[in-house]
Amino acid sequence: MTLTDALATAHGRKDIMGDSYNDGAVVAAALFFGFIFFLFAVLYYVLSSLFLMKIFDKAGVQGKWRAWVPVYNFMVFSKLGDLSPWVVLIAAGVAIVLAPLNLGFLGLVLFIVATALAAWRVGLKLQKEPVWVVLYVLLSIVWLGINAYDKSRWNPAIAPAPWAGNGFFADRTVWQGIPVQPSAGYVAPPAPGYAPPPGYQPPAGYQAPPAGYQAPPAGYQAPPAGYQPPPAGYQPPPAGYQPPPAYGPPSTEPPAYGPPSTEPPVAAPAPEPPVVPSPAAEAPLAPPATEPPTTEPPTTAAPTTDPSASGDTTTDPTAGGAGETPKA
């Protein structure tokens, strides 16, 4: 091998080593920047989800988990901005499909435009001027943070969106747990002679009245708590109807209630059986028999002489003992 060949061989080896070194540096730089991009992506995801959760809470969205689902959270955000959520989903799908063809930026641009339109409408409902949408396009994370933690309140009663009559961009979906935004952007007319004070903000979750709503007349008093509207077909009473007087408690007090007596009721005495006369009882005496009158004339008694004068004694047959009647 000549000197020239040796020098050429050595130079070729240096070229190979240099190329390998350059390739390794490129790979290391790509890994480093990829790691940095991954960290920023994770940080953006966490912060944006946290800020969206606060905005959803202001809008009355139920379920904080909705803010932590990628893509779905911005679909909910678009619904709050009166934009169809399917537009956001299509933009995300286009970006994913065209990414292998190095055309994913087209879907990314469509995604940014769709969410910017929704951010414009959401900003109006949070009392932000339309110029705030520029901040969303340049630094969306800052826009989300300001609207999440400021003292603004949700007010859906704003002017209708320019695309409200478009069947593709207008939101016609109804999802459970997400308040339906007024598609026509109806604003309730103020009562005659009434103007809200400066800086007044409606409460969170305020729902605009339906179309055709008429303000109550002056002096209207709200019904008491628990009032139930009359059933369908109810006819009001005729003019001059007087309601019956109010019912009052009775004037006499009811008798005091006492506990029932524990003593058993006294039984009535049993009736005595009738007295049956015994056979040994004496029979009633029969009335004395009357003797029939005699037809014989009454006898005339012979005159008697005083026994003491004549000296004759007679024995009284009724006197006890036997005696002789002295003879005359």
Protein backbone atom coordinates (compact mmCIF):
# COMPACT_ATOMS: atom_id res chain seq x y z
CA MET A 1 0.00 0.00 0.00
CA THR A 2 1.36 3.33 -0.99
CA LEU A 3 1.36 6.41 1.19
CA THR A 4 -1.43 7.94 -0.85
CA ASP A 5 -3.65 4.92 -0.32
CA ALA A 6 -2.96 4.97 3.42
CA LEU A 7 -3.85 8.64 3.66
CA ALA A 8 -7.06 8.08 1.70
CA THR A 9 -8.07 5.19 3.94
CA ALA A 10 -7.50 7.22 7.09
CA HIS A 11 -9.49 10.12 5.72
CA GLY A 12 -12.42 7.82 4.90
CA ARG A 13 -12.46 6.48 8.42
CA LYS A 14 -12.61 10.03 9.79
CA ASP A 15 -15.60 10.75 7.54
CA ILE A 16 -17.40 7.68 8.82
CA MET A 17 -16.68 8.53 12.44
CA GLY A 18 -17.76 12.12 11.87
CA ASP A 19 -21.03 11.07 10.29
CA SER A 20 -21.75 8.68 13.14
CA TYR A 21 -21.01 11.40 15.66
CA ASN A 22 -23.32 13.82 13.86
CA ASP A 23 -26.11 11.25 13.72
CA GLY A 24 -25.85 10.55 17.46
CA ALA A 25 -25.97 14.24 18.26
CA VAL A 26 -29.09 14.66 16.16
CA VAL A 27 -30.77 11.73 17.89
CA ALA A 28 -29.83 13.06 21.34
CA ALA A 29 -31.15 16.51 20.50
CA ALA A 30 -34.37 15.02 19.16
CA LEU A 31 -34.85 13.01 22.34
CA PHE A 32 -34.11 16.04 24.51
CA PHE A 33 -36.55 18.31 22.71
CA GLY A 34 -39.11 15.52 22.56
CA PHE A 35 -38.89 15.11 26.31
CA ILE A 36 -39.26 18.86 26.80
CA PHE A 37 -42.28 18.89 24.47
CA PHE A 38 -43.80 15.98 26.39
CA LEU A 39 -43.39 17.85 29.68
CA PHE A 40 -45.03 20.95 28.23
CA ALA A 41 -47.85 18.85 26.79
CA VAL A 42 -48.53 17.21 30.17
CA LEU A 43 -48.36 20.58 31.93
CA TYR A 44 -50.73 22.14 29.37
CA TYR A 45 -53.14 19.22 29.74
CA VAL A 46 -53.23 19.48 33.54
CA LEU A 47 -53.62 23.27 33.63
CA SER A 48 -56.17 23.44 30.81
CA SER A 49 -58.26 20.68 32.39
CA LEU A 50 -58.17 22.45 35.75
CA PHE A 51 -59.18 25.78 34.19
CA LEU A 52 -61.93 24.15 32.11
CA MET A 53 -63.29 22.50 35.25
CA LYS A 54 -63.66 25.93 36.89
CA ILE A 55 -65.35 27.39 33.79
CA PHE A 56 -67.71 24.40 33.58
CA ASP A 57 -68.61 24.93 37.21
CA LYS A 58 -69.57 28.55 36.48
CA ALA A 59 -71.73 27.41 33.55
CA GLY A 60 -73.58 24.82 35.67
CA VAL A 61 -72.10 21.72 33.99
CA GLN A 62 -72.58 18.61 36.12
CA GLY A 63 -69.63 16.30 36.59
CA LYS A 64 -66.11 17.63 37.02
CA TRP A 65 -64.71 14.60 35.20
CA ARG A 66 -65.81 16.09 31.88
CA ALA A 67 -62.95 18.59 32.02
CA TRP A 68 -60.29 15.84 32.28
CA VAL A 69 -61.20 13.78 29.17
CA PRO A 70 -59.06 14.87 26.18
CA VAL A 71 -60.96 16.17 23.13
CA TYR A 72 -64.28 15.59 24.94
CA ASN A 73 -63.57 18.51 27.27
CA PHE A 74 -63.27 20.88 24.29
CA MET A 75 -66.42 19.41 22.80
CA VAL A 76 -68.26 20.46 25.97
CA PHE A 77 -66.49 23.82 25.75
CA SER A 78 -67.81 24.27 22.20
CA LYS A 79 -71.36 23.47 23.34
CA LEU A 80 -71.12 26.26 25.90
CA GLY A 81 -69.97 28.50 23.04
CA ASP A 82 -73.06 27.71 20.89
CA LEU A 83 -70.93 25.71 18.44
CA SER A 84 -71.70 22.14 17.45
CA PRO A 85 -69.36 19.73 19.28
CA TRP A 86 -69.08 17.61 16.13
CA VAL A 87 -67.08 20.40 14.47
CA VAL A 88 -64.38 20.07 17.15
CA LEU A 89 -64.41 16.28 16.87
CA ILE A 90 -64.03 16.45 13.08
CA ALA A 91 -61.12 18.89 13.40
CA ALA A 92 -59.32 16.58 15.85
CA GLY A 93 -59.95 13.60 13.58
CA VAL A 94 -58.56 15.42 10.54
CA ALA A 95 -55.40 16.33 12.45
CA ILE A 96 -54.84 12.69 13.46
CA VAL A 97 -55.58 11.24 10.03
CA LEU A 98 -53.38 13.70 8.11
CA ALA A 99 -50.48 13.53 10.57
CA PRO A 100 -48.72 10.61 8.74
CA LEU A 101 -48.90 12.66 5.54
CA ASN A 102 -47.29 15.64 7.22
CA LEU A 103 -50.61 17.46 6.80
CA GLY A 104 -51.76 17.24 10.37
CA PHE A 105 -51.32 20.99 10.76
CA LEU A 106 -54.45 21.45 8.63
CA GLY A 107 -56.57 19.68 11.22
CA LEU A 108 -54.74 21.60 13.96
CA VAL A 109 -55.62 24.90 12.31
CA LEU A 110 -59.26 23.82 11.98
CA PHE A 111 -59.26 22.80 15.65
CA ILE A 112 -57.86 26.18 16.75
CA VAL A 113 -60.40 28.10 14.63
CA ALA A 114 -63.34 26.07 16.00
CA THR A 115 -62.31 26.45 19.63
CA ALA A 116 -61.58 30.17 19.07
CA LEU A 117 -65.17 30.71 17.90
CA ALA A 118 -66.42 28.88 20.98
CA ALA A 119 -64.07 30.92 23.19
CA TRP A 120 -65.49 34.14 21.73
CA ARG A 121 -69.02 33.09 22.72
CA VAL A 122 -67.96 31.81 26.14
CA GLY A 123 -66.10 35.08 26.79
CA LEU A 124 -69.25 37.08 26.03
CA LYS A 125 -71.17 34.98 28.55
CA LEU A 126 -68.45 35.72 31.12
CA GLN A 127 -68.66 39.50 30.48
CA LYS A 128 -65.53 39.68 28.30
CA GLU A 129 -65.14 41.90 25.27
CA PRO A 130 -64.76 40.23 21.83
CA VAL A 131 -61.12 41.35 21.65
CA TRP A 132 -60.28 38.81 24.33
CA VAL A 133 -60.43 36.08 21.70
CA VAL A 134 -57.03 37.30 20.43
CA LEU A 135 -55.52 36.31 23.77
CA TYR A 136 -57.07 32.87 23.39
CA VAL A 137 -55.48 32.36 19.98
CA LEU A 138 -52.02 33.47 21.17
CA LEU A 139 -52.04 32.13 24.73
CA SER A 140 -55.08 29.97 25.30
CA ILE A 141 -53.84 28.73 28.68
CA VAL A 142 -53.71 32.32 29.97
CA TRP A 143 -57.22 33.03 28.65
CA LEU A 144 -58.55 29.92 30.37
CA GLY A 145 -56.85 30.78 33.66
CA ILE A 146 -58.23 34.33 33.77
CA ASN A 147 -61.81 33.27 33.05
CA ALA A 148 -61.55 30.39 35.50
CA TYR A 149 -60.51 32.37 38.56
CA ASP A 150 -61.91 35.87 38.05
CA LYS A 151 -65.19 37.00 39.63
CA SER A 152 -67.23 36.89 36.42
CA ARG A 153 -70.55 35.06 36.41
CA TRP A 154 -72.20 33.00 33.72
CA ASN A 155 -74.88 34.81 31.71
CA PRO A 156 -76.22 32.90 28.65
CA ALA A 157 -78.67 35.69 27.73
CA ILE A 158 -76.59 37.23 24.96
CA ALA A 159 -77.17 38.03 21.30
CA PRO A 160 -77.57 35.00 18.99
CA ALA A 161 -74.51 33.60 17.27
CA PRO A 162 -73.97 34.50 13.61
CA TRP A 163 -74.14 30.80 12.71
CA ALA A 164 -77.29 30.13 14.78
CA GLY A 165 -79.26 29.36 11.62
CA ASN A 166 -76.61 27.08 10.11
CA GLY A 167 -77.37 23.40 10.41
CA PHE A 168 -73.69 22.36 10.57
CA PHE A 169 -72.13 24.88 12.94
CA ALA A 170 -75.14 25.60 15.21
CA ASP A 171 -75.43 23.45 18.31
CA ARG A 172 -78.55 21.28 18.25
CA THR A 173 -77.34 18.56 20.62
CA VAL A 174 -78.74 17.90 24.09
CA TRP A 175 -76.39 16.15 26.51
CA GLN A 176 -77.40 15.15 30.00
CA GLY A 177 -75.69 17.20 32.70
CA ILE A 178 -74.84 20.10 30.35
CA PRO A 179 -77.20 23.11 30.37
CA VAL A 180 -78.82 23.79 27.02
CA GLN A 181 -77.78 27.22 25.79
CA PRO A 182 -80.48 29.37 24.19
CA SER A 183 -79.98 28.73 20.48
CA ALA A 184 -81.75 31.97 19.50
CA GLY A 185 -79.86 34.04 22.05
CA TYR A 186 -83.10 35.42 23.51
CA VAL A 187 -82.71 38.33 25.92
CA ALA A 188 -85.61 38.96 28.28
CA PRO A 189 -86.94 42.51 27.88
CA PRO A 190 -86.70 44.59 31.04
CA ALA A 191 -89.87 45.54 32.86
CA PRO A 192 -91.26 49.01 32.11
CA GLY A 193 -89.38 51.59 34.11
CA TYR A 194 -86.87 49.06 35.45
CA ALA A 195 -83.15 49.10 34.77
CA PRO A 196 -80.60 46.86 36.53
CA PRO A 197 -78.01 48.67 38.57
CA PRO A 198 -74.58 49.19 37.02
CA GLY A 199 -72.33 46.19 37.33
CA TYR A 200 -75.19 43.78 38.07
CA GLN A 201 -74.42 40.17 37.19
CA PRO A 202 -77.11 37.47 37.07
CA PRO A 203 -76.56 34.47 39.36
CA ALA A 204 -74.78 31.36 38.18
CA GLY A 205 -77.00 28.89 36.35
CA TYR A 206 -79.50 31.55 35.26
CA GLN A 207 -81.73 30.33 32.45
CA ALA A 208 -83.31 32.80 30.03
CA PRO A 209 -87.14 32.70 29.85
CA PRO A 210 -88.72 31.08 26.78
CA ALA A 211 -89.75 32.99 23.69
CA GLY A 212 -93.00 34.90 24.06
CA TYR A 213 -92.56 35.47 27.79
CA GLN A 214 -94.52 38.45 29.12
CA ALA A 215 -93.28 40.35 32.14
CA PRO A 216 -95.72 40.38 35.09
CA PRO A 217 -97.66 43.61 35.73
CA ALA A 218 -96.56 46.22 38.22
CA GLY A 219 -97.23 45.27 41.82
CA TYR A 220 -97.12 41.53 41.15
CA GLN A 221 -96.41 39.45 44.23
CA ALA A 222 -94.62 36.14 43.88
CA PRO A 223 -96.66 33.11 45.03
CA PRO A 224 -95.77 31.64 48.43
CA ALA A 225 -93.47 28.68 48.78
CA GLY A 226 -95.10 25.38 47.85
CA TYR A 227 -97.65 26.96 45.49
CA GLN A 228 -99.01 24.58 42.88
CA PRO A 229 -100.46 25.99 39.63
CA PRO A 230 -104.11 25.12 38.90
CA PRO A 231 -104.76 22.08 36.70
CA ALA A 232 -105.41 22.32 33.01
CA GLY A 233 -108.92 23.53 32.15
CA TYR A 234 -109.30 25.57 35.34
CA GLN A 235 -111.82 28.42 34.97
CA PRO A 236 -111.43 31.48 37.21
CA PRO A 237 -114.48 32.47 39.31
CA PRO A 238 -116.86 35.08 37.87
CA ALA A 239 -116.55 38.76 38.64
CA GLY A 240 -117.86 39.72 42.06
CA TYR A 241 -117.22 36.31 43.56
CA GLN A 242 -116.74 36.44 47.31
CA PRO A 243 -114.80 33.61 48.91
CA PRO A 244 -116.41 31.94 51.94
CA PRO A 245 -115.33 33.16 55.37
CA ALA A 246 -112.28 31.63 56.84
CA TYR A 247 -112.96 28.59 58.93
CA GLY A 248 -112.41 29.04 62.65
CA PRO A 249 -112.22 26.54 65.50
CA PRO A 250 -115.46 25.76 67.42
CA SER A 251 -116.28 28.08 70.33
CA THR A 252 -116.92 25.27 72.82
CA GLU A 253 -114.06 23.21 73.97
CA PRO A 254 -114.45 19.46 73.64
CA PRO A 255 -114.70 17.51 76.88
CA ALA A 256 -111.45 16.62 78.46
CA TYR A 257 -110.38 13.18 77.55
CA GLY A 258 -109.57 10.88 80.44
CA PRO A 259 -108.02 7.47 80.51
CA PRO A 260 -110.49 4.60 80.43
CA SER A 261 -111.40 3.04 83.76
CA THR A 262 -109.74 -0.24 84.50
CA GLU A 263 -112.54 -1.49 86.80
CA PRO A 264 -114.96 -3.94 85.18
CA PRO A 265 -118.59 -2.87 84.98
CA VAL A 266 -120.83 -3.95 87.86
CA ALA A 267 -123.18 -6.75 86.80
CA ALA A 268 -126.91 -6.24 87.41
CA PRO A 269 -128.35 -8.41 90.24
CA ALA A 270 -130.06 -11.56 89.12
CA PRO A 271 -133.84 -11.47 89.50
CA GLU A 272 -135.22 -13.54 92.41
CA PRO A 273 -137.34 -16.56 91.44
CA PRO A 274 -141.06 -16.35 92.27
CA VAL A 275 -142.11 -17.87 95.62
CA VAL A 276 -144.00 -21.11 95.13
CA PRO A 277 -146.37 -21.88 98.04
CA SER A 278 -145.61 -25.11 99.80
CA PRO A 279 -148.18 -27.83 99.97
CA ALA A 280 -148.10 -27.63 103.76
CA ALA A 281 -149.52 -24.16 103.79
CA GLU A 282 -152.98 -23.89 105.24
CA ALA A 283 -155.80 -23.73 102.80
CA PRO A 284 -158.03 -20.73 103.10
CA LEU A 285 -160.92 -21.20 105.44
CA ALA A 286 -164.27 -21.79 103.85
CA PRO A 287 -166.99 -19.40 104.79
CA PRO A 288 -169.35 -20.76 107.49
CA ALA A 289 -172.32 -22.57 106.21
CA THR A 290 -175.57 -20.85 106.77
CA GLU A 291 -178.30 -22.93 108.30
CA PRO A 292 -181.57 -22.89 106.55
CA PRO A 293 -184.27 -21.10 108.41
CA THR A 294 -186.64 -23.30 110.40
CA THR A 295 -190.29 -23.16 109.96
CA GLU A 296 -190.98 -23.97 113.49
CA PRO A 297 -192.36 -21.16 115.54
CA PRO A 298 -190.22 -19.98 118.33
CA THR A 299 -190.85 -21.71 121.60
CA THR A 300 -191.95 -19.74 124.57
CA ALA A 301 -189.86 -20.42 127.60
CA ALA A 302 -191.63 -21.24 130.79
CA PRO A 303 -191.26 -18.80 133.47
CA THR A 304 -188.61 -19.65 135.97
CA THR A 305 -188.59 -19.00 139.58
CA ASP A 306 -185.76 -17.76 141.60
CA PRO A 307 -184.08 -20.84 142.94
CA SER A 308 -183.04 -18.98 145.95
CA ALA A 309 -186.66 -18.27 146.86
CA SER A 310 -188.07 -21.67 146.37
CA GLY A 311 -185.15 -23.46 147.84
CA ASP A 312 -184.79 -25.79 144.88
CA THR A 313 -181.46 -26.04 143.30
CA THR A 314 -180.67 -27.36 139.86
CA THR A 315 -177.42 -28.42 138.51
CA ASP A 316 -176.08 -26.40 135.60
CA PRO A 317 -175.43 -28.83 132.88
CA THR A 318 -172.57 -26.65 131.64
CA ALA A 319 -170.93 -26.46 135.04
CA GLY A 320 -168.09 -28.79 135.66
CA GLY A 321 -168.50 -31.73 137.93
CA ALA A 322 -171.55 -33.85 138.74
CA GLY A 323 -174.25 -32.59 140.97
CA GLU A 324 -177.68 -33.37 141.79
CA THR A 325 -180.49 -31.01 141.27
CA PRO A 326 -182.28 -30.48 144.46
CA LYS A 327 -185.85 -31.36 144.29
CA ALA A 328 -188.60 -28.96 145.29
